[in-house]
Amino acid sequence: MKIIVSRLDVTQIFCDVDDFYQQWEIIWQQVRQLPSMRDERRSTSLDASMFP
């Protein structure tokens, strides 16, 4: 049986993902969002009628 040695450092991966997210969040907040339609209300729960 072969032993597979991972060369991936989980801490480094986590840090890279965190760095990416920090930059992404700044950019995402600068993107203009579509305006909401009048009387549009977002549901805070799932409605059974949404599913066939």
C-alpha atoms as a PDB file:
ATOM      1  CA  MET A   1       0.000   0.000   0.000  1.00  0.00           C
ATOM      2  CA  LYS A   2       1.288   3.442  -0.976  1.00  0.00           C
ATOM      3  CA  ILE A   3       1.332   6.307   1.471  1.00  0.00           C
ATOM      4  CA  ILE A   4       0.353   9.597  -0.142  1.00  0.00           C
ATOM      5  CA  VAL A   5       2.017  12.604   1.391  1.00  0.00           C
ATOM      6  CA  SER A   6       0.175  15.857   0.912  1.00  0.00           C
ATOM      7  CA  ARG A   7       2.246  18.896   0.193  1.00  0.00           C
ATOM      8  CA  LEU A   8      -0.670  21.228   0.843  1.00  0.00           C
ATOM      9  CA  ASP A   9      -0.428  23.373   3.919  1.00  0.00           C
ATOM     10  CA  VAL A  10      -3.956  23.834   5.261  1.00  0.00           C
ATOM     11  CA  THR A  11      -3.004  26.995   7.128  1.00  0.00           C
ATOM     12  CA  GLN A  12      -1.584  28.551   3.971  1.00  0.00           C
ATOM     13  CA  ILE A  13      -4.692  27.631   1.991  1.00  0.00           C
ATOM     14  CA  PHE A  14      -6.888  29.178   4.676  1.00  0.00           C
ATOM     15  CA  CYS A  15      -4.822  32.372   4.663  1.00  0.00           C
ATOM     16  CA  ASP A  16      -4.951  32.606   0.860  1.00  0.00           C
ATOM     17  CA  VAL A  17      -8.721  32.158   0.837  1.00  0.00           C
ATOM     18  CA  ASP A  18      -9.106  34.729   3.608  1.00  0.00           C
ATOM     19  CA  ASP A  19      -6.937  37.242   1.725  1.00  0.00           C
ATOM     20  CA  PHE A  20      -9.003  36.676  -1.414  1.00  0.00           C
ATOM     21  CA  TYR A  21     -12.261  37.176   0.486  1.00  0.00           C
ATOM     22  CA  GLN A  22     -11.038  40.397   2.103  1.00  0.00           C
ATOM     23  CA  GLN A  23     -10.277  41.853  -1.333  1.00  0.00           C
ATOM     24  CA  TRP A  24     -13.450  40.448  -2.896  1.00  0.00           C
ATOM     25  CA  GLU A  25     -15.646  41.975  -0.194  1.00  0.00           C
ATOM     26  CA  ILE A  26     -14.253  45.470  -0.856  1.00  0.00           C
ATOM     27  CA  ILE A  27     -14.807  45.129  -4.600  1.00  0.00           C
ATOM     28  CA  TRP A  28     -18.279  43.617  -4.152  1.00  0.00           C
ATOM     29  CA  GLN A  29     -19.384  46.532  -1.954  1.00  0.00           C
ATOM     30  CA  GLN A  30     -18.336  48.961  -4.695  1.00  0.00           C
ATOM     31  CA  VAL A  31     -20.409  47.204  -7.367  1.00  0.00           C
ATOM     32  CA  ARG A  32     -23.698  48.926  -7.926  1.00  0.00           C
ATOM     33  CA  GLN A  33     -26.542  46.597  -7.069  1.00  0.00           C
ATOM     34  CA  LEU A  34     -29.762  46.373  -9.018  1.00  0.00           C
ATOM     35  CA  PRO A  35     -32.489  48.532  -7.532  1.00  0.00           C
ATOM     36  CA  SER A  36     -35.313  46.783  -5.741  1.00  0.00           C
ATOM     37  CA  MET A  37     -38.757  46.804  -7.262  1.00  0.00           C
ATOM     38  CA  ARG A  38     -41.436  48.690  -5.376  1.00  0.00           C
ATOM     39  CA  ASP A  39     -43.283  46.565  -2.869  1.00  0.00           C
ATOM     40  CA  GLU A  40     -40.705  43.817  -3.236  1.00  0.00           C
ATOM     41  CA  ARG A  41     -40.265  41.949  -0.013  1.00  0.00           C
ATOM     42  CA  ARG A  42     -37.749  39.266   0.611  1.00  0.00           C
ATOM     43  CA  SER A  43     -38.969  36.213   2.345  1.00  0.00           C
ATOM     44  CA  THR A  44     -37.190  35.324   5.534  1.00  0.00           C
ATOM     45  CA  SER A  45     -38.419  31.751   5.398  1.00  0.00           C
ATOM     46  CA  LEU A  46     -39.101  29.120   2.778  1.00  0.00           C
ATOM     47  CA  ASP A  47     -42.669  28.819   1.604  1.00  0.00           C
ATOM     48  CA  ALA A  48     -43.973  25.356   0.671  1.00  0.00           C
ATOM     49  CA  SER A  49     -45.566  26.839  -2.483  1.00  0.00           C
ATOM     50  CA  MET A  50     -42.067  27.541  -3.822  1.00  0.00           C
ATOM     51  CA  PHE A  51     -41.508  23.834  -4.362  1.00  0.00           C
ATOM     52  CA  PRO A  52     -43.353  21.658  -6.890  1.00  0.00           C
END
